[in-house]
Amino acid sequence: MKRFLLLTLALVITIPLCLLLFSCGDENPARSDPGGESGSVEESSEESSEMEKEQITLNVAASPEGEEMSDAYIVTVRYGKDGEPVEVPCYKAKVGLKSITTSGEGEIETREMSFCYFDSDFEKEVFVSITPNKKESFEICDVRPISNGITPETSGNSVDFKLGSPSKLSVEFDGDIYTNLFIFAGETEKEVINDGDPGVIYYGPGSHDAGEIVLKSNQTLYLAPGALVYGYVVCENANNVAIKGRGILCGSKLDHKMNSPRQRLCSFDKCLGVTIDGVIFIDSPTWTLRTYVCKNVVINNLKEICWFYNSDGIDLCSCRNVTITDSFLRNYDDNISIKAFESADSVDIRVENCVFWADCAHNMLVGPEARDAEYENKYTDIVFKSITILEQKQTGDFYKGVMAITCADNAVYDNITWDGVVIERLSDGSVINFRFSNDYATYYGKSVTNVTVKNVNCLVEPQRGDVILGMPERSFGEITIENYTVNGKKVTFEDHNFTPEVRYIDSLTIENETRTVSKILTVN
């Protein structure tokens, strides 16, 4: 009797439970198919995975809360032809138009441009649409660099184009290069860095007043997509340090006065193993990124927009084994400036696949600053390769030149190469400017030899001719020019773009013809 009661009780509990489970199963949306179109549970999981994949393949960070964003442009992107449009936040950035005065606090006339950024894996094309809010109409829209081959399609007051790979672009309406738009379309980050990881200083999405950020050995500063960090970075006597991410380091809250101490946006002093990858630097009060007596420096995918006096892009001061790749620099002062201080040499430096825009200085300068004049500072094994110049504007009589060597302070220059430089715009200045000097120096430099300029194409007529100016007691050594074209004309000894300041050269080779130049070259 007892066993019968236990069996009956089990049935009483089990039967309702089964009915309940069956009823719940019938209400599951994955199994209910009133229209005959819904898939199975497995199909639903596949759809969910595909949605997650699409979210990963196009990353657009939200704008930092409370920040005033640019309203000059509306930018939307779609991943694939049928993707949903996503609006990309646009940021403001000052650029320098012209110098007014360097005395007192200093003053530069400025304009306000815009920039935006996003990441994708580019397994599908990314479709970009841009509407300039402050232009009722326009006639022409240029997307540069020209080599990207992008011809936008115009529809009403908007332009559209597609990207099949990571790109750094300047979008210019009716030739306006001061209120233009930069688009930084990057490749999705492969390295995952999280808040709380060992050795990580982490700034997540949003606005941060960081002030001074000190990096020590084996530390990484990570600026997440959507992070806007007001402050500056210092690092001294450290090993294995890095700045990574997709966020922005901004110096707009730092003192910009000429008659006050100005803080560099980012400084690495006497470090071994420095990596900078993916971040954006804007509005530095003076030199933007300085590496001083450092070894094994890797800079990749860096973007800069700076407007004030002395806002050099990257100053390499007595560094060894440096590579700079895939970077986009727009600065009021020199973009790349290589110096040699403290009885230490600048050796083995390679700058490749970069885009430069100098609003009032050189784009690539080697020298003149080699401060310890009693030591023969060496500038050797320096290569610039596959460089695009979007603008060069340099009005000074002395400081001009897209590619410049200024030899000072008893320094020795050897084996310096420019290979594959395209100059799209040259508002003022010259293409080549090589000379000896004692400016910013104690002495004139000692020697310059083994300099090669090849595969250079200046698409416009320069405002000034080229300079290669030695001295009677300090002539240039071997200078080789090969496949150098100016406004469609290949440079030769008989047909060239040189100024009267081309003389005192022991061996000048142009298109396989070699001459010693002691007098002024004349043009036939």
Protein backbone atom coordinates (compact mmCIF):
# COMPACT_ATOMS: atom_id res chain seq x y z
CA MET A 1 0.00 0.00 0.00
CA LYS A 2 2.84 2.35 0.87
CA ARG A 3 4.56 1.65 -2.47
CA PHE A 4 1.31 2.41 -4.35
CA LEU A 5 0.94 5.76 -2.60
CA LEU A 6 4.52 6.73 -3.45
CA LEU A 7 4.00 5.81 -7.14
CA THR A 8 0.76 7.78 -7.28
CA LEU A 9 2.46 10.81 -5.72
CA ALA A 10 5.28 10.66 -8.30
CA LEU A 11 2.77 10.59 -11.18
CA VAL A 12 0.87 13.50 -9.70
CA ILE A 13 4.07 15.58 -9.68
CA THR A 14 5.54 14.41 -13.01
CA ILE A 15 2.51 14.72 -15.35
CA PRO A 16 1.79 18.44 -14.68
CA LEU A 17 5.48 19.21 -14.94
CA CYS A 18 5.69 17.60 -18.38
CA LEU A 19 2.59 19.47 -19.52
CA LEU A 20 4.13 22.71 -18.31
CA LEU A 21 7.39 22.08 -20.16
CA PHE A 22 5.53 21.15 -23.35
CA SER A 23 3.46 24.30 -23.13
CA CYS A 24 6.55 26.46 -22.62
CA GLY A 25 8.19 24.81 -25.62
CA ASP A 26 5.27 25.72 -27.85
CA GLU A 27 5.63 29.39 -26.92
CA ASN A 28 9.34 29.54 -27.79
CA PRO A 29 9.64 32.05 -30.71
CA ALA A 30 12.37 29.95 -32.28
CA ARG A 31 9.93 27.05 -32.70
CA SER A 32 6.75 29.00 -33.32
CA ASP A 33 6.45 29.64 -37.07
CA PRO A 34 3.08 31.22 -37.89
CA GLY A 35 4.36 32.69 -41.14
CA GLY A 36 6.37 29.66 -42.13
CA GLU A 37 9.59 31.80 -42.42
CA SER A 38 11.32 31.55 -39.06
CA GLY A 39 14.30 29.23 -38.78
CA SER A 40 15.19 26.60 -36.25
CA VAL A 41 17.00 27.17 -32.98
CA GLU A 42 20.31 26.50 -34.77
CA GLU A 43 19.47 29.00 -37.52
CA SER A 44 18.60 31.62 -34.93
CA SER A 45 21.99 31.13 -33.26
CA GLU A 46 23.71 31.58 -36.63
CA GLU A 47 21.82 34.83 -37.20
CA SER A 48 22.85 36.05 -33.74
CA SER A 49 26.48 35.20 -34.43
CA GLU A 50 26.31 37.00 -37.77
CA MET A 51 24.90 40.09 -36.05
CA GLU A 52 27.71 40.00 -33.50
CA LYS A 53 30.24 39.64 -36.33
CA GLU A 54 28.85 42.70 -38.15
CA GLN A 55 29.05 44.72 -34.94
CA ILE A 56 32.72 43.85 -34.72
CA THR A 57 33.52 44.55 -38.35
CA LEU A 58 32.65 48.27 -38.16
CA ASN A 59 33.60 50.16 -35.01
CA VAL A 60 32.36 53.73 -34.56
CA ALA A 61 33.06 55.17 -31.12
CA ALA A 62 30.49 57.49 -29.56
CA SER A 63 31.46 61.11 -28.97
CA PRO A 64 32.64 61.94 -25.43
CA GLU A 65 29.77 63.15 -23.31
CA GLY A 66 29.78 66.88 -22.65
CA GLU A 67 32.25 67.73 -25.42
CA GLU A 68 31.40 70.27 -28.12
CA MET A 69 31.75 68.41 -31.40
CA SER A 70 32.13 69.80 -34.90
CA ASP A 71 28.90 70.55 -36.75
CA ALA A 72 30.65 71.40 -40.02
CA TYR A 73 30.07 67.94 -41.51
CA ILE A 74 27.70 65.02 -41.20
CA VAL A 75 29.53 61.76 -41.88
CA THR A 76 27.86 58.36 -42.10
CA VAL A 77 29.37 54.97 -42.93
CA ARG A 78 27.87 51.63 -43.98
CA TYR A 79 29.54 48.23 -43.78
CA GLY A 80 28.73 46.65 -47.10
CA LYS A 81 26.31 47.91 -49.70
CA ASP A 82 23.25 46.87 -47.68
CA GLY A 83 24.58 47.86 -44.25
CA GLU A 84 22.77 50.24 -41.95
CA PRO A 85 24.19 53.79 -41.97
CA VAL A 86 26.03 54.79 -38.79
CA GLU A 87 26.82 58.43 -38.03
CA VAL A 88 30.49 59.08 -37.22
CA PRO A 89 31.18 61.86 -34.68
CA CYS A 90 33.31 64.73 -35.99
CA TYR A 91 35.83 66.53 -33.79
CA LYS A 92 37.19 70.06 -34.04
CA ALA A 93 40.86 70.82 -34.64
CA LYS A 94 42.68 74.13 -35.03
CA VAL A 95 45.09 74.64 -37.93
CA GLY A 96 47.47 77.53 -38.50
CA LEU A 97 46.79 79.87 -41.41
CA LYS A 98 49.63 82.36 -40.95
CA SER A 99 51.92 83.87 -38.34
CA ILE A 100 51.02 87.28 -36.91
CA THR A 101 53.69 87.72 -34.23
CA THR A 102 56.10 85.59 -32.21
CA SER A 103 56.67 88.29 -29.60
CA GLY A 104 54.99 88.22 -26.21
CA GLU A 105 52.42 85.46 -26.07
CA GLY A 106 52.67 84.89 -29.81
CA GLU A 107 49.78 84.89 -32.21
CA ILE A 108 48.78 82.82 -35.22
CA GLU A 109 45.72 83.30 -37.38
CA THR A 110 43.85 80.01 -37.26
CA ARG A 111 40.95 78.17 -38.85
CA GLU A 112 38.90 75.27 -37.58
CA MET A 113 38.92 72.03 -39.50
CA SER A 114 37.24 68.74 -38.59
CA PHE A 115 38.27 65.11 -38.30
CA CYS A 116 36.59 61.81 -37.59
CA TYR A 117 37.67 58.20 -37.23
CA PHE A 118 36.35 54.66 -37.33
CA ASP A 119 37.72 51.12 -37.71
CA SER A 120 36.73 48.20 -39.91
CA ASP A 121 38.05 44.83 -40.99
CA PHE A 122 37.23 45.88 -44.60
CA GLU A 123 36.13 42.36 -45.54
CA LYS A 124 33.25 44.28 -47.07
CA GLU A 125 33.59 47.70 -48.63
CA VAL A 126 32.77 50.63 -46.37
CA PHE A 127 30.48 53.23 -47.95
CA VAL A 128 31.08 56.81 -46.78
CA SER A 129 28.64 59.71 -47.12
CA ILE A 130 29.58 63.33 -46.28
CA THR A 131 27.36 66.39 -46.08
CA PRO A 132 29.03 69.77 -45.49
CA ASN A 133 26.61 71.56 -43.20
CA LYS A 134 28.06 75.03 -43.69
CA LYS A 135 28.05 75.01 -47.48
CA GLU A 136 24.75 75.44 -49.26
CA SER A 137 26.38 74.26 -52.45
CA PHE A 138 29.78 73.37 -53.85
CA GLU A 139 31.26 72.72 -57.27
CA ILE A 140 34.17 70.37 -56.58
CA CYS A 141 35.03 67.86 -53.89
CA ASP A 142 38.58 66.47 -53.79
CA VAL A 143 39.52 63.42 -51.76
CA ARG A 144 43.28 63.26 -51.28
CA PRO A 145 45.85 61.71 -51.50
CA ILE A 146 45.23 61.54 -55.23
CA SER A 147 46.96 58.16 -55.38
CA ASN A 148 44.02 56.59 -53.54
CA GLY A 149 42.04 57.07 -56.75
CA ILE A 150 38.83 58.15 -55.00
CA THR A 151 36.37 60.11 -57.12
CA PRO A 152 33.33 60.96 -54.99
CA GLU A 153 29.84 60.95 -56.43
CA THR A 154 27.77 64.03 -55.73
CA SER A 155 24.11 63.78 -54.76
CA GLY A 156 22.47 67.07 -53.81
CA ASN A 157 24.63 68.59 -51.11
CA SER A 158 26.38 65.32 -50.24
CA VAL A 159 29.22 63.23 -51.61
CA ASP A 160 29.61 59.47 -51.46
CA PHE A 161 32.52 57.10 -52.00
CA LYS A 162 33.60 53.66 -50.89
CA LEU A 163 36.72 52.32 -49.18
CA GLY A 164 38.14 48.85 -49.62
CA SER A 165 41.07 49.24 -47.23
CA PRO A 166 42.28 51.42 -44.34
CA SER A 167 42.76 55.01 -45.51
CA LYS A 168 43.72 58.42 -44.18
CA LEU A 169 42.02 61.09 -46.26
CA SER A 170 41.58 64.81 -46.65
CA VAL A 171 38.15 65.79 -48.02
CA GLU A 172 38.22 69.30 -49.49
CA PHE A 173 35.28 71.22 -50.91
CA ASP A 174 36.07 73.84 -53.56
CA GLY A 175 39.78 73.72 -52.71
CA ASP A 176 39.35 74.76 -49.07
CA ILE A 177 42.31 73.28 -47.17
CA TYR A 178 41.75 75.09 -43.86
CA THR A 179 38.20 74.05 -42.95
CA ASN A 180 38.48 70.64 -44.57
CA LEU A 181 37.71 67.20 -43.13
CA PHE A 182 40.17 64.44 -42.28
CA ILE A 183 38.87 60.87 -42.22
CA PHE A 184 40.96 58.27 -40.41
CA ALA A 185 39.56 54.90 -41.46
CA GLY A 186 41.66 52.36 -39.60
CA GLU A 187 41.99 48.64 -39.43
CA THR A 188 40.23 46.96 -36.50
CA GLU A 189 42.55 46.58 -33.52
CA LYS A 190 43.96 43.09 -33.28
CA GLU A 191 45.44 43.42 -29.81
CA VAL A 192 42.91 43.37 -26.96
CA ILE A 193 43.86 45.62 -24.03
CA ASN A 194 41.52 45.87 -21.05
CA ASP A 195 41.22 48.07 -18.01
CA GLY A 196 42.98 46.32 -15.17
CA ASP A 197 45.48 44.44 -17.32
CA PRO A 198 48.95 44.36 -15.70
CA GLY A 199 51.09 47.33 -16.63
CA VAL A 200 48.24 49.19 -18.36
CA ILE A 201 47.23 52.81 -17.75
CA TYR A 202 43.74 52.76 -19.22
CA TYR A 203 41.51 55.61 -20.37
CA GLY A 204 38.12 54.42 -21.54
CA PRO A 205 35.50 56.19 -23.66
CA GLY A 206 34.67 59.70 -22.50
CA SER A 207 36.48 62.90 -21.57
CA HIS A 208 39.39 62.85 -19.08
CA ASP A 209 41.41 65.67 -17.49
CA ALA A 210 44.56 63.65 -16.95
CA GLY A 211 47.24 66.34 -16.63
CA GLU A 212 50.70 64.75 -16.52
CA ILE A 213 50.78 61.04 -17.39
CA VAL A 214 54.00 59.34 -16.32
CA LEU A 215 55.00 56.12 -18.07
CA LYS A 216 57.45 53.72 -16.42
CA SER A 217 59.18 50.58 -17.61
CA ASN A 218 56.91 47.83 -18.96
CA GLN A 219 53.85 50.10 -19.00
CA THR A 220 51.36 50.78 -21.78
CA LEU A 221 49.15 53.86 -21.96
CA TYR A 222 45.94 52.79 -23.69
CA LEU A 223 43.48 55.32 -25.10
CA ALA A 224 40.30 53.46 -25.99
CA PRO A 225 38.12 54.38 -28.97
CA GLY A 226 35.99 57.32 -27.85
CA ALA A 227 38.54 58.50 -25.26
CA LEU A 228 39.49 62.19 -25.29
CA VAL A 229 42.36 62.70 -22.85
CA TYR A 230 43.48 66.23 -21.96
CA GLY A 231 47.09 66.11 -20.81
CA TYR A 232 50.62 65.15 -21.76
CA VAL A 233 52.94 62.17 -21.45
CA VAL A 234 56.46 62.01 -19.99
CA CYS A 235 58.73 58.99 -19.81
CA GLU A 236 62.39 58.90 -18.74
CA ASN A 237 64.97 56.12 -18.44
CA ALA A 238 62.41 53.41 -19.10
CA ASN A 239 62.35 50.17 -21.07
CA ASN A 240 59.53 48.61 -23.07
CA VAL A 241 56.93 51.40 -22.99
CA ALA A 242 54.00 52.07 -25.32
CA ILE A 243 51.08 54.32 -26.19
CA LYS A 244 48.32 52.44 -28.01
CA GLY A 245 44.64 52.61 -28.90
CA ARG A 246 42.37 54.72 -31.05
CA GLY A 247 41.66 57.58 -28.66
CA ILE A 248 42.85 61.20 -28.67
CA LEU A 249 45.56 62.91 -26.60
CA CYS A 250 44.81 66.64 -26.62
CA GLY A 251 46.96 69.55 -25.46
CA SER A 252 44.38 72.32 -25.81
CA LYS A 253 44.26 72.91 -22.03
CA LEU A 254 48.04 73.37 -21.80
CA ASP A 255 49.71 76.81 -21.86
CA HIS A 256 50.39 77.93 -25.45
CA LYS A 257 52.01 81.31 -24.71
CA MET A 258 55.37 81.96 -26.41
CA ASN A 259 56.68 83.82 -23.34
CA SER A 260 55.86 80.93 -20.99
CA PRO A 261 57.34 77.44 -20.62
CA ARG A 262 55.46 75.23 -23.05
CA GLN A 263 54.94 71.53 -22.44
CA ARG A 264 55.63 68.99 -25.16
CA LEU A 265 52.62 66.75 -25.72
CA CYS A 266 54.67 63.58 -25.50
CA SER A 267 58.33 63.08 -24.47
CA PHE A 268 60.46 59.94 -24.24
CA ASP A 269 63.94 60.56 -22.82
CA LYS A 270 66.69 57.91 -22.78
CA CYS A 271 64.33 54.99 -23.28
CA LEU A 272 64.90 51.55 -24.79
CA GLY A 273 61.96 50.06 -26.67
CA VAL A 274 59.24 52.65 -27.43
CA THR A 275 56.02 51.85 -29.33
CA ILE A 276 53.32 54.31 -30.42
CA ASP A 277 50.44 52.83 -32.39
CA GLY A 278 47.03 54.00 -33.58
CA VAL A 279 46.44 57.08 -31.45
CA ILE A 280 45.61 60.68 -32.42
CA PHE A 281 47.56 63.69 -31.08
CA ILE A 282 46.10 67.19 -31.41
CA ASP A 283 46.87 70.75 -30.33
CA SER A 284 50.38 70.53 -28.90
CA PRO A 285 51.77 73.82 -27.49
CA THR A 286 55.23 72.99 -28.89
CA TRP A 287 57.02 69.83 -30.12
CA THR A 288 54.33 67.20 -30.35
CA LEU A 289 56.33 63.97 -29.97
CA ARG A 290 59.98 64.01 -28.93
CA THR A 291 62.23 60.97 -28.58
CA TYR A 292 65.55 61.92 -27.00
CA VAL A 293 68.51 59.52 -26.94
CA CYS A 294 66.18 56.54 -27.42
CA LYS A 295 66.77 53.18 -29.10
CA ASN A 296 64.39 50.79 -30.84
CA VAL A 297 61.49 53.15 -31.49
CA VAL A 298 58.43 52.01 -33.50
CA ILE A 299 55.78 54.58 -34.49
CA ASN A 300 52.86 53.29 -36.55
CA ASN A 301 49.48 54.67 -37.57
CA LEU A 302 49.98 57.92 -35.67
CA LYS A 303 47.75 60.87 -36.57
CA GLU A 304 48.57 64.47 -35.64
CA ILE A 305 46.91 67.87 -36.13
CA CYS A 306 48.68 70.83 -34.48
CA TRP A 307 48.64 74.55 -35.14
CA PHE A 308 50.96 76.53 -32.84
CA TYR A 309 54.56 77.75 -33.17
CA ASN A 310 57.22 75.00 -32.92
CA SER A 311 54.58 72.29 -33.11
CA ASP A 312 56.97 69.85 -34.79
CA GLY A 313 55.32 66.53 -35.52
CA ILE A 314 58.08 64.08 -34.55
CA ASP A 315 61.49 65.21 -33.28
CA LEU A 316 64.02 62.38 -33.30
CA CYS A 317 66.92 63.61 -31.20
CA SER A 318 69.99 61.36 -31.17
CA CYS A 319 68.02 58.16 -31.63
CA ARG A 320 68.94 54.76 -33.07
CA ASN A 321 66.88 52.15 -34.84
CA VAL A 322 63.67 54.10 -35.47
CA THR A 323 60.82 53.18 -37.83
CA ILE A 324 57.88 55.46 -38.59
CA THR A 325 55.17 53.92 -40.77
CA ASP A 326 51.63 54.59 -41.99
CA SER A 327 51.33 57.92 -40.18
CA PHE A 328 49.46 61.11 -41.12
CA LEU A 329 50.89 64.37 -39.78
CA ARG A 330 49.59 67.90 -40.21
CA ASN A 331 51.58 70.45 -38.25
CA TYR A 332 52.34 74.15 -38.42
CA ASP A 333 56.05 73.42 -38.03
CA ASP A 334 58.31 70.61 -39.31
CA ASN A 335 56.65 67.23 -39.56
CA ILE A 336 59.80 65.10 -39.23
CA SER A 337 62.84 66.79 -37.68
CA ILE A 338 65.98 64.74 -37.05
CA LYS A 339 68.51 66.23 -34.62
CA ALA A 340 71.65 65.03 -32.81
CA PHE A 341 72.32 66.15 -29.25
CA GLU A 342 74.49 65.24 -26.27
CA SER A 343 77.38 63.62 -28.14
CA ALA A 344 75.00 60.97 -29.48
CA ASP A 345 74.30 60.10 -33.11
CA SER A 346 71.11 59.79 -35.15
CA VAL A 347 71.47 56.44 -36.89
CA ASP A 348 69.30 53.90 -38.70
CA ILE A 349 66.06 55.84 -39.13
CA ARG A 350 63.38 54.80 -41.62
CA VAL A 351 60.21 56.76 -42.42
CA GLU A 352 57.90 54.93 -44.82
CA ASN A 353 54.39 55.03 -46.26
CA CYS A 354 53.37 58.28 -44.59
CA VAL A 355 51.32 61.37 -45.48
CA PHE A 356 52.62 64.81 -44.44
CA TRP A 357 51.13 68.31 -44.44
CA ALA A 358 53.26 71.27 -43.29
CA ASP A 359 51.39 74.56 -42.94
CA CYS A 360 54.52 76.67 -42.36
CA ALA A 361 57.76 74.66 -42.38
CA HIS A 362 59.62 71.63 -43.71
CA ASN A 363 58.02 68.27 -44.15
CA MET A 364 61.27 66.29 -43.77
CA LEU A 365 64.28 67.99 -42.17
CA VAL A 366 67.63 66.46 -41.24
CA GLY A 367 69.56 68.85 -38.95
CA PRO A 368 70.64 71.51 -38.14
CA GLU A 369 70.59 71.05 -34.37
CA ALA A 370 73.60 69.04 -33.16
CA ARG A 371 74.23 70.95 -29.99
CA ASP A 372 77.47 69.41 -28.72
CA ALA A 373 79.63 71.00 -31.39
CA GLU A 374 82.90 69.53 -30.05
CA TYR A 375 81.64 66.06 -31.00
CA GLU A 376 81.21 65.01 -34.63
CA ASN A 377 77.54 64.05 -34.39
CA LYS A 378 76.67 61.56 -37.08
CA TYR A 379 73.48 61.53 -39.12
CA THR A 380 73.71 58.23 -41.00
CA ASP A 381 71.52 55.60 -42.65
CA ILE A 382 68.36 57.71 -42.86
CA VAL A 383 65.65 56.73 -45.36
CA PHE A 384 62.38 58.40 -46.36
CA LYS A 385 60.38 56.08 -48.65
CA SER A 386 56.89 56.25 -50.19
CA ILE A 387 55.91 59.64 -48.80
CA THR A 388 52.95 61.77 -49.94
CA ILE A 389 53.02 65.52 -49.36
CA LEU A 390 49.55 67.09 -49.27
CA GLU A 391 50.87 70.60 -48.59
CA GLN A 392 54.11 72.55 -48.21
CA LYS A 393 53.90 76.21 -47.33
CA GLN A 394 57.08 77.89 -46.23
CA THR A 395 57.45 81.60 -46.84
CA GLY A 396 60.79 82.24 -45.13
CA ASP A 397 63.81 82.97 -47.32
CA PHE A 398 66.08 80.49 -45.56
CA TYR A 399 63.86 77.76 -44.14
CA LYS A 400 62.25 76.14 -47.08
CA GLY A 401 62.24 72.69 -48.62
CA VAL A 402 60.04 69.61 -48.65
CA MET A 403 63.27 67.60 -48.35
CA ALA A 404 65.90 69.47 -46.36
CA ILE A 405 69.39 68.92 -45.00
CA THR A 406 70.90 71.66 -42.86
CA CYS A 407 74.42 70.73 -41.75
CA ALA A 408 75.61 72.47 -38.58
CA ASP A 409 77.68 72.07 -35.40
CA ASN A 410 80.56 70.06 -36.83
CA ALA A 411 78.15 67.24 -37.71
CA VAL A 412 78.77 64.53 -40.32
CA TYR A 413 75.96 63.48 -42.68
CA ASP A 414 76.20 60.25 -44.65
CA ASN A 415 73.87 57.88 -46.52
CA ILE A 416 70.59 59.82 -46.55
CA THR A 417 67.92 58.78 -49.05
CA TRP A 418 64.57 60.00 -50.31
CA ASP A 419 62.87 57.39 -52.50
CA GLY A 420 59.32 57.72 -53.80
CA VAL A 421 58.02 61.16 -52.79
CA VAL A 422 54.85 62.59 -54.36
CA ILE A 423 54.13 66.29 -53.78
CA GLU A 424 50.52 67.17 -54.48
CA ARG A 425 50.50 70.78 -53.32
CA LEU A 426 53.32 73.28 -52.74
CA SER A 427 51.93 76.70 -51.82
CA ASP A 428 55.39 78.08 -51.09
CA GLY A 429 58.92 76.84 -50.68
CA SER A 430 61.06 74.45 -52.71
CA VAL A 431 61.32 70.71 -53.18
CA ILE A 432 65.04 70.34 -52.28
CA ASN A 433 67.03 72.50 -49.87
CA PHE A 434 70.46 71.14 -48.87
CA ARG A 435 72.95 73.56 -47.28
CA PHE A 436 75.56 74.16 -44.59
CA SER A 437 74.59 76.49 -41.78
CA ASN A 438 75.57 77.84 -38.37
CA ASP A 439 72.00 78.80 -37.55
CA TYR A 440 70.74 77.34 -34.26
CA ALA A 441 74.35 76.21 -33.92
CA THR A 442 77.87 77.04 -32.79
CA TYR A 443 79.69 76.00 -35.95
CA TYR A 444 78.97 75.08 -39.52
CA GLY A 445 78.59 71.37 -40.11
CA LYS A 446 81.57 69.30 -41.24
CA SER A 447 80.47 67.17 -44.23
CA VAL A 448 77.55 65.83 -46.27
CA THR A 449 77.95 62.88 -48.63
CA ASN A 450 76.06 59.95 -50.16
CA VAL A 451 72.71 61.71 -50.49
CA THR A 452 70.20 60.16 -52.92
CA VAL A 453 66.98 61.68 -54.24
CA LYS A 454 65.06 59.36 -56.56
CA ASN A 455 61.56 58.70 -57.83
CA VAL A 456 60.31 62.12 -56.74
CA ASN A 457 57.28 63.58 -58.50
CA CYS A 458 56.23 67.16 -57.80
CA LEU A 459 52.82 67.52 -59.45
CA VAL A 460 52.85 71.33 -59.33
CA GLU A 461 55.24 74.15 -60.23
CA PRO A 462 57.23 75.09 -57.10
CA GLN A 463 57.29 78.71 -55.98
CA ARG A 464 61.06 78.49 -55.47
CA GLY A 465 63.85 76.58 -57.13
CA ASP A 466 65.99 73.87 -55.58
CA VAL A 467 69.10 74.54 -53.46
CA ILE A 468 72.20 72.38 -53.01
CA LEU A 469 74.67 74.84 -51.56
CA GLY A 470 78.08 73.82 -50.30
CA MET A 471 80.86 76.14 -49.18
CA PRO A 472 84.33 76.68 -50.65
CA GLU A 473 85.88 75.06 -47.59
CA ARG A 474 83.01 72.58 -47.04
CA SER A 475 81.77 71.19 -50.33
CA PHE A 476 79.10 68.54 -50.64
CA GLY A 477 80.27 65.01 -51.42
CA GLU A 478 78.28 62.62 -53.60
CA ILE A 479 74.74 63.76 -54.46
CA THR A 480 72.63 61.56 -56.75
CA ILE A 481 69.33 62.60 -58.38
CA GLU A 482 67.39 60.06 -60.39
CA ASN A 483 63.90 60.16 -61.88
CA TYR A 484 63.00 63.53 -60.37
CA THR A 485 60.03 65.14 -62.13
CA VAL A 486 58.68 68.65 -61.60
CA ASN A 487 55.31 69.54 -63.09
CA GLY A 488 55.67 66.82 -65.72
CA LYS A 489 59.30 67.67 -66.62
CA LYS A 490 62.18 65.38 -65.72
CA VAL A 491 65.11 67.25 -64.18
CA THR A 492 68.45 67.06 -66.05
CA PHE A 493 71.64 69.11 -66.06
CA GLU A 494 70.37 70.93 -69.14
CA ASP A 495 66.78 71.38 -68.00
CA HIS A 496 66.43 71.78 -64.24
CA ASN A 497 64.74 73.63 -61.40
CA PHE A 498 67.88 74.73 -59.53
CA THR A 499 68.47 78.24 -58.19
CA PRO A 500 71.82 80.04 -58.38
CA GLU A 501 72.46 78.46 -54.96
CA VAL A 502 73.68 75.18 -56.48
CA ARG A 503 77.47 75.02 -56.21
CA TYR A 504 80.43 73.55 -54.35
CA ILE A 505 79.50 69.93 -54.99
CA ASP A 506 82.27 67.39 -55.53
CA SER A 507 80.07 64.90 -57.36
CA LEU A 508 76.54 65.67 -58.55
CA THR A 509 74.91 62.90 -60.58
CA ILE A 510 71.66 63.57 -62.45
CA GLU A 511 70.23 60.75 -64.56
CA ASN A 512 73.56 58.88 -64.65
CA GLU A 513 75.58 61.94 -65.72
CA THR A 514 78.12 63.12 -63.13
CA ARG A 515 79.71 66.53 -62.79
CA THR A 516 81.70 68.52 -60.29
CA VAL A 517 79.84 71.77 -59.66
CA SER A 518 81.84 74.77 -58.52
CA LYS A 519 79.98 77.39 -60.54
CA ILE A 520 76.32 78.22 -60.85
CA LEU A 521 74.39 75.84 -63.06
CA THR A 522 72.69 77.57 -65.96
CA VAL A 523 69.49 76.57 -67.73
CA ASN A 524 69.49 76.15 -71.52
